Amino acid sequence: QVQFVESGGGLVQPGGSLRLSCAASGDIFRIYTMGWYRQAPGKQRELVAHITSDGITNYQDSVKGRFTISRDNAKKTVYLQMNSLKPEDTAVYYCNRRPTIPTYWGQGTQVTVSS
């Protein structure tokens, strides 16, 4: 049974930074394409960034140049470094495979960007 546990969220001022972590269970994490997703209040969940098993990354236009996704296969962890945060980045952030597996959604971690 695969599980993803997100952490690292919090309250930050505009322009600040946070680093999210997603710890995975399961033996074949290294072959997954992994994604970070977010869901803002009243909006649908959206893909923010993804990283393939060999480290190729892709980003939503709104976060390009500000967010960096990375992974450590030995630790079964994927990260999202978020810099220059904006109020519109406020959301619950989740990780999952890409394409997503519905039963793998975790609790997410809340990111609030506000002064």
N, C-alpha and C. Protein backbone atom coordinates (compact mmCIF):
# COMPACT_ATOMS: atom_id res chain seq x y z
N GLN A 1 0.84 -1.18 0.00
CA GLN A 1 0.00 0.00 0.00
C GLN A 1 0.88 1.25 0.00
N VAL A 2 0.69 2.08 -0.99
CA VAL A 2 1.47 3.31 -1.10
C VAL A 2 0.78 4.43 -0.34
N GLN A 3 1.57 5.18 0.39
CA GLN A 3 1.06 6.38 1.06
C GLN A 3 2.02 7.54 0.83
N PHE A 4 1.44 8.72 0.73
CA PHE A 4 2.23 9.94 0.63
C PHE A 4 1.86 10.83 1.81
N VAL A 5 2.88 11.35 2.50
CA VAL A 5 2.66 12.23 3.64
C VAL A 5 3.36 13.55 3.39
N GLU A 6 2.56 14.61 3.29
CA GLU A 6 3.09 15.93 3.00
C GLU A 6 3.38 16.70 4.29
N SER A 7 4.39 17.55 4.25
CA SER A 7 4.72 18.40 5.40
C SER A 7 5.45 19.64 4.93
N GLY A 8 5.59 20.60 5.84
CA GLY A 8 6.38 21.79 5.54
C GLY A 8 5.58 23.05 5.28
N GLY A 9 4.27 22.95 5.26
CA GLY A 9 3.46 24.14 5.02
C GLY A 9 3.46 25.07 6.21
N GLY A 10 2.79 26.21 6.04
CA GLY A 10 2.71 27.18 7.11
C GLY A 10 2.25 28.52 6.62
N LEU A 11 2.35 29.50 7.49
CA LEU A 11 1.99 30.88 7.17
C LEU A 11 3.26 31.65 6.85
N VAL A 12 3.25 32.33 5.72
CA VAL A 12 4.44 33.07 5.30
C VAL A 12 3.98 34.39 4.67
N GLN A 13 4.81 35.40 4.78
CA GLN A 13 4.49 36.69 4.18
C GLN A 13 4.77 36.66 2.69
N PRO A 14 4.11 37.52 1.93
CA PRO A 14 4.42 37.61 0.50
C PRO A 14 5.91 37.85 0.29
N GLY A 15 6.46 37.15 -0.67
CA GLY A 15 7.89 37.23 -0.94
C GLY A 15 8.71 36.22 -0.18
N GLY A 16 8.09 35.52 0.75
CA GLY A 16 8.80 34.54 1.55
C GLY A 16 8.97 33.20 0.85
N SER A 17 9.54 32.25 1.59
CA SER A 17 9.85 30.93 1.04
C SER A 17 9.39 29.83 1.98
N LEU A 18 9.07 28.70 1.39
CA LEU A 18 8.78 27.48 2.12
C LEU A 18 9.32 26.29 1.33
N ARG A 19 9.63 25.23 2.05
CA ARG A 19 10.04 23.99 1.39
C ARG A 19 9.12 22.88 1.84
N LEU A 20 8.38 22.33 0.92
CA LEU A 20 7.48 21.23 1.21
C LEU A 20 8.18 19.90 0.97
N SER A 21 7.80 18.90 1.77
CA SER A 21 8.32 17.56 1.61
C SER A 21 7.17 16.58 1.47
N CYS A 22 7.40 15.54 0.72
CA CYS A 22 6.42 14.47 0.55
C CYS A 22 7.16 13.15 0.72
N ALA A 23 6.86 12.47 1.81
CA ALA A 23 7.49 11.19 2.08
C ALA A 23 6.59 10.07 1.59
N ALA A 24 7.19 9.13 0.87
CA ALA A 24 6.43 8.04 0.27
C ALA A 24 6.79 6.71 0.87
N SER A 25 5.82 5.84 0.94
CA SER A 25 6.08 4.45 1.28
C SER A 25 6.02 3.64 -0.01
N GLY A 26 6.44 2.40 0.06
CA GLY A 26 6.39 1.58 -1.15
C GLY A 26 7.78 1.39 -1.72
N ASP A 27 7.98 0.27 -2.38
CA ASP A 27 9.32 -0.10 -2.84
C ASP A 27 9.70 0.46 -4.20
N ILE A 28 8.73 0.92 -4.98
CA ILE A 28 9.06 1.30 -6.35
C ILE A 28 8.87 2.79 -6.58
N PHE A 29 9.04 3.58 -5.53
CA PHE A 29 8.90 5.02 -5.64
C PHE A 29 9.76 5.58 -6.76
N ARG A 30 10.95 5.01 -6.92
CA ARG A 30 11.93 5.59 -7.83
C ARG A 30 11.46 5.58 -9.28
N ILE A 31 10.49 4.75 -9.63
CA ILE A 31 10.06 4.69 -11.02
C ILE A 31 8.84 5.57 -11.29
N TYR A 32 8.31 6.18 -10.24
CA TYR A 32 7.12 7.00 -10.43
C TYR A 32 7.49 8.38 -10.96
N THR A 33 6.65 8.92 -11.85
CA THR A 33 6.63 10.36 -12.05
C THR A 33 5.79 10.93 -10.91
N MET A 34 6.35 11.91 -10.21
CA MET A 34 5.68 12.47 -9.04
C MET A 34 5.27 13.91 -9.32
N GLY A 35 4.14 14.29 -8.75
CA GLY A 35 3.66 15.65 -8.93
C GLY A 35 3.29 16.31 -7.62
N TRP A 36 3.42 17.62 -7.60
CA TRP A 36 2.86 18.44 -6.53
C TRP A 36 1.61 19.11 -7.10
N TYR A 37 0.54 19.05 -6.32
CA TYR A 37 -0.75 19.60 -6.71
C TYR A 37 -1.20 20.56 -5.60
N ARG A 38 -2.11 21.44 -5.94
CA ARG A 38 -2.66 22.32 -4.92
C ARG A 38 -4.14 22.58 -5.18
N GLN A 39 -4.83 22.87 -4.09
CA GLN A 39 -6.25 23.19 -4.19
C GLN A 39 -6.53 24.40 -3.32
N ALA A 40 -6.92 25.48 -3.96
CA ALA A 40 -7.29 26.69 -3.25
C ALA A 40 -8.78 26.64 -2.92
N PRO A 41 -9.21 27.39 -1.92
CA PRO A 41 -10.63 27.38 -1.55
C PRO A 41 -11.53 27.71 -2.74
N GLY A 42 -12.53 26.87 -2.96
CA GLY A 42 -13.49 27.11 -4.03
C GLY A 42 -12.99 26.78 -5.42
N LYS A 43 -11.79 26.20 -5.52
CA LYS A 43 -11.22 25.89 -6.83
C LYS A 43 -10.91 24.41 -6.94
N GLN A 44 -10.72 23.96 -8.17
CA GLN A 44 -10.36 22.57 -8.39
C GLN A 44 -8.88 22.36 -8.10
N ARG A 45 -8.54 21.14 -7.77
CA ARG A 45 -7.13 20.80 -7.56
C ARG A 45 -6.39 20.90 -8.89
N GLU A 46 -5.19 21.45 -8.85
CA GLU A 46 -4.42 21.64 -10.07
C GLU A 46 -2.98 21.16 -9.88
N LEU A 47 -2.39 20.77 -11.00
CA LEU A 47 -0.99 20.34 -11.00
C LEU A 47 -0.10 21.57 -10.96
N VAL A 48 0.86 21.57 -10.05
CA VAL A 48 1.80 22.68 -9.93
C VAL A 48 3.11 22.36 -10.64
N ALA A 49 3.61 21.15 -10.40
CA ALA A 49 4.90 20.75 -10.99
C ALA A 49 4.98 19.24 -10.96
N HIS A 50 5.78 18.68 -11.86
CA HIS A 50 6.03 17.25 -11.77
C HIS A 50 7.49 16.96 -12.11
N ILE A 51 7.93 15.78 -11.68
CA ILE A 51 9.30 15.34 -11.93
C ILE A 51 9.26 13.87 -12.30
N THR A 52 9.94 13.52 -13.38
CA THR A 52 9.96 12.13 -13.83
C THR A 52 10.97 11.32 -13.02
N SER A 53 10.99 10.03 -13.28
CA SER A 53 11.90 9.14 -12.55
C SER A 53 13.36 9.50 -12.80
N ASP A 54 13.65 10.08 -13.96
CA ASP A 54 15.04 10.46 -14.25
C ASP A 54 15.29 11.96 -14.11
N GLY A 55 14.38 12.65 -13.40
CA GLY A 55 14.65 14.02 -13.00
C GLY A 55 14.21 15.12 -13.95
N ILE A 56 13.47 14.79 -14.97
CA ILE A 56 12.96 15.84 -15.86
C ILE A 56 11.78 16.53 -15.19
N THR A 57 11.81 17.84 -15.19
CA THR A 57 10.79 18.60 -14.48
C THR A 57 9.93 19.43 -15.42
N ASN A 58 8.75 19.76 -14.94
CA ASN A 58 7.85 20.64 -15.68
C ASN A 58 7.01 21.41 -14.67
N TYR A 59 6.65 22.65 -15.03
CA TYR A 59 5.98 23.54 -14.08
C TYR A 59 4.78 24.23 -14.72
N GLN A 60 3.80 24.50 -13.88
CA GLN A 60 2.70 25.37 -14.29
C GLN A 60 3.28 26.76 -14.53
N ASP A 61 2.76 27.45 -15.54
CA ASP A 61 3.31 28.75 -15.90
C ASP A 61 3.38 29.73 -14.73
N SER A 62 2.39 29.69 -13.85
CA SER A 62 2.31 30.68 -12.76
C SER A 62 3.41 30.52 -11.73
N VAL A 63 4.09 29.37 -11.72
CA VAL A 63 5.13 29.15 -10.70
C VAL A 63 6.52 29.03 -11.30
N LYS A 64 6.62 29.08 -12.62
CA LYS A 64 7.94 28.96 -13.26
C LYS A 64 8.87 30.06 -12.76
N GLY A 65 10.09 29.66 -12.43
CA GLY A 65 11.07 30.61 -11.94
C GLY A 65 10.98 30.87 -10.45
N ARG A 66 9.91 30.40 -9.81
CA ARG A 66 9.75 30.60 -8.37
C ARG A 66 9.79 29.29 -7.59
N PHE A 67 9.25 28.23 -8.17
CA PHE A 67 9.19 26.93 -7.51
C PHE A 67 10.18 25.97 -8.15
N THR A 68 10.72 25.06 -7.33
CA THR A 68 11.60 24.02 -7.83
C THR A 68 11.21 22.69 -7.22
N ILE A 69 10.94 21.73 -8.08
CA ILE A 69 10.63 20.37 -7.61
C ILE A 69 11.88 19.52 -7.71
N SER A 70 12.08 18.66 -6.73
CA SER A 70 13.23 17.76 -6.73
C SER A 70 12.84 16.47 -6.02
N ARG A 71 13.69 15.48 -6.13
CA ARG A 71 13.41 14.21 -5.48
C ARG A 71 14.69 13.57 -4.99
N ASP A 72 14.55 12.76 -3.94
CA ASP A 72 15.63 11.95 -3.40
C ASP A 72 15.09 10.54 -3.34
N ASN A 73 15.45 9.73 -4.31
CA ASN A 73 14.88 8.37 -4.38
C ASN A 73 15.34 7.50 -3.22
N ALA A 74 16.54 7.72 -2.71
CA ALA A 74 17.02 6.93 -1.58
C ALA A 74 16.17 7.19 -0.34
N LYS A 75 15.68 8.43 -0.20
CA LYS A 75 14.83 8.78 0.93
C LYS A 75 13.35 8.66 0.60
N LYS A 76 13.04 8.31 -0.64
CA LYS A 76 11.65 8.20 -1.08
C LYS A 76 10.89 9.49 -0.78
N THR A 77 11.49 10.59 -1.13
CA THR A 77 10.93 11.89 -0.81
C THR A 77 11.00 12.80 -2.02
N VAL A 78 9.94 13.57 -2.21
CA VAL A 78 9.94 14.61 -3.24
C VAL A 78 9.73 15.94 -2.54
N TYR A 79 10.38 16.96 -3.05
CA TYR A 79 10.38 18.28 -2.42
C TYR A 79 9.79 19.33 -3.36
N LEU A 80 9.31 20.40 -2.76
CA LEU A 80 8.91 21.56 -3.54
C LEU A 80 9.44 22.80 -2.83
N GLN A 81 10.47 23.39 -3.40
CA GLN A 81 11.00 24.64 -2.88
C GLN A 81 10.21 25.78 -3.49
N MET A 82 9.61 26.60 -2.65
CA MET A 82 8.76 27.69 -3.12
C MET A 82 9.35 29.01 -2.66
N ASN A 83 9.74 29.82 -3.61
CA ASN A 83 10.30 31.14 -3.32
C ASN A 83 9.39 32.23 -3.89
N SER A 84 9.60 33.45 -3.43
CA SER A 84 8.82 34.60 -3.91
C SER A 84 7.33 34.31 -3.87
N LEU A 85 6.88 33.78 -2.76
CA LEU A 85 5.49 33.37 -2.64
C LEU A 85 4.54 34.55 -2.74
N LYS A 86 3.38 34.29 -3.34
CA LYS A 86 2.35 35.29 -3.55
C LYS A 86 1.06 34.86 -2.86
N PRO A 87 0.20 35.79 -2.53
CA PRO A 87 -1.07 35.41 -1.90
C PRO A 87 -1.85 34.39 -2.72
N GLU A 88 -1.74 34.44 -4.03
CA GLU A 88 -2.48 33.49 -4.87
C GLU A 88 -1.88 32.08 -4.82
N ASP A 89 -0.76 31.90 -4.14
CA ASP A 89 -0.22 30.57 -3.92
C ASP A 89 -0.87 29.88 -2.72
N THR A 90 -1.69 30.60 -2.00
CA THR A 90 -2.38 30.03 -0.84
C THR A 90 -3.26 28.87 -1.26
N ALA A 91 -3.05 27.72 -0.64
CA ALA A 91 -3.77 26.50 -1.01
C ALA A 91 -3.32 25.37 -0.10
N VAL A 92 -4.03 24.26 -0.18
CA VAL A 92 -3.54 23.01 0.39
C VAL A 92 -2.73 22.32 -0.70
N TYR A 93 -1.52 21.93 -0.37
CA TYR A 93 -0.62 21.30 -1.33
C TYR A 93 -0.55 19.80 -1.05
N TYR A 94 -0.63 19.04 -2.14
CA TYR A 94 -0.62 17.59 -2.08
C TYR A 94 0.44 17.04 -3.04
N CYS A 95 0.89 15.84 -2.76
CA CYS A 95 1.70 15.13 -3.74
C CYS A 95 0.97 13.86 -4.14
N ASN A 96 1.29 13.38 -5.31
CA ASN A 96 0.71 12.14 -5.83
C ASN A 96 1.52 11.77 -7.04
N ARG A 97 1.28 10.60 -7.53
CA ARG A 97 1.86 10.22 -8.81
C ARG A 97 1.23 11.06 -9.91
N ARG A 98 1.89 11.00 -11.07
CA ARG A 98 1.29 11.61 -12.24
C ARG A 98 1.33 10.58 -13.35
N PRO A 99 0.19 10.15 -13.89
CA PRO A 99 -1.15 10.57 -13.51
C PRO A 99 -1.52 10.14 -12.09
N THR A 100 -2.46 10.83 -11.52
CA THR A 100 -2.79 10.60 -10.12
C THR A 100 -3.49 9.26 -9.90
N ILE A 101 -3.31 8.74 -8.71
CA ILE A 101 -4.02 7.56 -8.25
C ILE A 101 -4.95 8.02 -7.13
N PRO A 102 -6.26 7.94 -7.33
CA PRO A 102 -7.20 8.54 -6.36
C PRO A 102 -7.00 8.08 -4.92
N THR A 103 -6.64 6.82 -4.74
CA THR A 103 -6.50 6.31 -3.37
C THR A 103 -5.20 6.74 -2.71
N TYR A 104 -4.33 7.41 -3.43
CA TYR A 104 -3.04 7.81 -2.88
C TYR A 104 -3.04 9.23 -2.30
N TRP A 105 -4.15 9.96 -2.43
CA TRP A 105 -4.16 11.31 -1.89
C TRP A 105 -3.98 11.29 -0.37
N GLY A 106 -3.08 12.14 0.12
CA GLY A 106 -2.87 12.28 1.55
C GLY A 106 -3.67 13.45 2.09
N GLN A 107 -3.29 13.90 3.28
CA GLN A 107 -4.00 15.00 3.93
C GLN A 107 -3.58 16.36 3.39
N GLY A 108 -2.44 16.42 2.75
CA GLY A 108 -1.96 17.68 2.24
C GLY A 108 -1.34 18.53 3.34
N THR A 109 -0.75 19.64 2.92
CA THR A 109 -0.18 20.59 3.86
C THR A 109 -0.61 22.00 3.45
N GLN A 110 -1.09 22.77 4.42
CA GLN A 110 -1.65 24.08 4.14
C GLN A 110 -0.54 25.11 3.98
N VAL A 111 -0.61 25.86 2.90
CA VAL A 111 0.29 27.00 2.68
C VAL A 111 -0.57 28.25 2.62
N THR A 112 -0.26 29.20 3.49
CA THR A 112 -0.99 30.47 3.52
C THR A 112 0.01 31.60 3.35
N VAL A 113 -0.22 32.40 2.32
CA VAL A 113 0.66 33.54 2.04
C VAL A 113 -0.14 34.81 2.33
N SER A 114 0.24 35.49 3.38
CA SER A 114 -0.52 36.66 3.81
C SER A 114 0.35 37.55 4.66
N SER A 115 0.10 38.84 4.56
CA SER A 115 0.80 39.80 5.42
C SER A 115 -0.01 40.07 6.69
